[in-house]
Amino acid sequence: MNKKPEYIVKKENESEIFSVVKFEYFDGKSSDFFKNKKFKIVYLESMTDNVSILKHQKIIYETEQKFYLYVENGDSKDVWFLTIYYQPEQLNELRFFINQLNKQYEKTKIK
């Protein structure tokens, strides 16, 4: 995951450049974790193995705080990446958000 999503580039062209924080998770439960949150999906890239099953590869969520959460599945189905795009003046709010997100993630992951 090296390339900045086109959606984010477009947003940056409309306003300020985003700062970035990246995470890597290893349990393959990204879609289950994020689908239960009240984040607005603003971009979705999927593929299908057959006609009835969609597998989400890349999703961008917008939070109430106007953070953009870019979730991308890794090469292995057990690895996924989270990149948060935020404005530098939101750093304290971001720290609180990440802390809450990690607490909720720990509660939902399968042991």
Protein backbone atom coordinates (compact mmCIF):
# COMPACT_ATOMS: atom_id res chain seq x y z
CA MET A 1 0.00 0.00 0.00
CA ASN A 2 2.17 2.82 -1.27
CA LYS A 3 0.00 4.81 -3.59
CA LYS A 4 -2.35 7.47 -2.25
CA PRO A 5 -5.97 6.77 -3.24
CA GLU A 6 -7.32 8.94 -6.04
CA TYR A 7 -10.25 10.00 -3.83
CA ILE A 8 -7.80 11.46 -1.28
CA VAL A 9 -5.74 13.18 -3.98
CA LYS A 10 -8.92 14.81 -5.27
CA LYS A 11 -9.85 15.96 -1.74
CA GLU A 12 -6.37 17.41 -1.30
CA ASN A 13 -6.74 19.35 -4.55
CA GLU A 14 -9.95 20.86 -3.15
CA SER A 15 -8.43 21.86 0.21
CA GLU A 16 -5.28 21.18 2.24
CA ILE A 17 -2.80 18.34 2.11
CA PHE A 18 -3.57 15.57 4.60
CA SER A 19 -1.22 14.16 7.18
CA VAL A 20 -1.09 10.37 7.39
CA VAL A 21 -0.89 7.65 10.02
CA LYS A 22 -0.68 3.95 9.00
CA PHE A 23 -1.56 0.73 10.80
CA GLU A 24 -1.26 -2.94 9.91
CA TYR A 25 -3.56 -5.60 11.35
CA PHE A 26 -3.27 -9.37 11.10
CA ASP A 27 -6.62 -11.01 11.69
CA GLY A 28 -8.58 -10.54 8.47
CA LYS A 29 -11.60 -9.04 10.25
CA SER A 30 -11.51 -5.50 8.83
CA SER A 31 -14.88 -5.63 7.11
CA ASP A 32 -16.60 -7.05 10.19
CA PHE A 33 -15.02 -4.42 12.42
CA PHE A 34 -15.74 -1.37 10.27
CA LYS A 35 -19.20 -2.31 9.01
CA ASN A 36 -20.58 -1.98 12.54
CA LYS A 37 -19.26 1.57 12.94
CA LYS A 38 -21.17 4.67 11.94
CA PHE A 39 -18.68 5.73 9.30
CA LYS A 40 -19.88 6.96 5.93
CA ILE A 41 -18.50 4.98 2.99
CA VAL A 42 -17.24 7.46 0.38
CA TYR A 43 -15.33 5.03 -1.86
CA LEU A 44 -15.52 1.28 -2.40
CA GLU A 45 -13.51 -1.00 -4.66
CA SER A 46 -14.58 -4.64 -4.79
CA MET A 47 -14.07 -7.79 -6.77
CA THR A 48 -16.03 -11.00 -7.06
CA ASP A 49 -15.09 -14.67 -7.16
CA ASN A 50 -18.52 -15.50 -8.48
CA VAL A 51 -21.74 -13.65 -9.24
CA SER A 52 -23.12 -13.57 -5.71
CA ILE A 53 -20.11 -12.74 -3.50
CA LEU A 54 -18.42 -9.33 -3.44
CA LYS A 55 -15.08 -9.00 -1.68
CA HIS A 56 -14.19 -5.47 -0.68
CA GLN A 57 -10.56 -4.73 -1.48
CA LYS A 58 -10.38 -1.00 -0.74
CA ILE A 59 -12.79 1.14 1.24
CA ILE A 60 -12.59 4.79 2.27
CA TYR A 61 -14.74 5.87 5.21
CA GLU A 62 -15.37 9.43 6.34
CA THR A 63 -15.80 9.94 10.07
CA GLU A 64 -17.75 12.64 11.88
CA GLN A 65 -14.42 14.33 12.61
CA LYS A 66 -13.68 14.45 8.86
CA PHE A 67 -10.91 11.87 9.09
CA TYR A 68 -10.67 9.59 6.09
CA LEU A 69 -10.06 5.92 6.92
CA TYR A 70 -8.58 3.99 4.02
CA VAL A 71 -8.91 0.24 4.58
CA GLU A 72 -7.10 -2.05 2.17
CA ASN A 73 -6.88 -5.84 2.21
CA GLY A 74 -3.34 -7.19 2.00
CA ASP A 75 -2.07 -10.03 -0.15
CA SER A 76 -3.02 -12.48 2.56
CA LYS A 77 -6.64 -12.61 3.69
CA ASP A 78 -5.41 -12.35 7.29
CA VAL A 79 -3.67 -8.99 6.76
CA TRP A 80 -5.27 -5.61 6.21
CA PHE A 81 -4.04 -2.04 6.34
CA LEU A 82 -5.58 1.10 7.74
CA THR A 83 -4.39 4.56 6.74
CA ILE A 84 -5.94 7.60 8.39
CA TYR A 85 -5.82 10.90 6.52
CA TYR A 86 -6.31 13.94 8.73
CA GLN A 87 -5.56 17.66 8.97
CA PRO A 88 -2.51 18.51 11.14
CA GLU A 89 -4.58 20.72 13.44
CA GLN A 90 -6.64 17.63 14.32
CA LEU A 91 -3.71 15.82 15.94
CA ASN A 92 -5.12 15.78 19.50
CA GLU A 93 -8.53 14.68 18.24
CA LEU A 94 -6.81 11.99 16.15
CA ARG A 95 -4.97 10.62 19.19
CA PHE A 96 -8.26 10.27 21.05
CA PHE A 97 -9.91 8.67 18.00
CA ILE A 98 -7.10 6.11 17.55
CA ASN A 99 -7.20 5.22 21.23
CA GLN A 100 -10.97 4.60 21.04
CA LEU A 101 -10.65 2.69 17.77
CA ASN A 102 -7.98 0.39 19.20
CA LYS A 103 -10.04 -0.28 22.35
CA GLN A 104 -13.07 -1.20 20.24
CA TYR A 105 -10.94 -3.33 17.92
CA GLU A 106 -9.50 -5.29 20.84
CA LYS A 107 -13.04 -6.02 22.08
CA THR A 108 -14.22 -7.31 18.70
CA LYS A 109 -11.29 -9.37 17.46
CA ILE A 110 -11.41 -13.13 17.66
CA LYS A 111 -9.00 -14.63 20.16
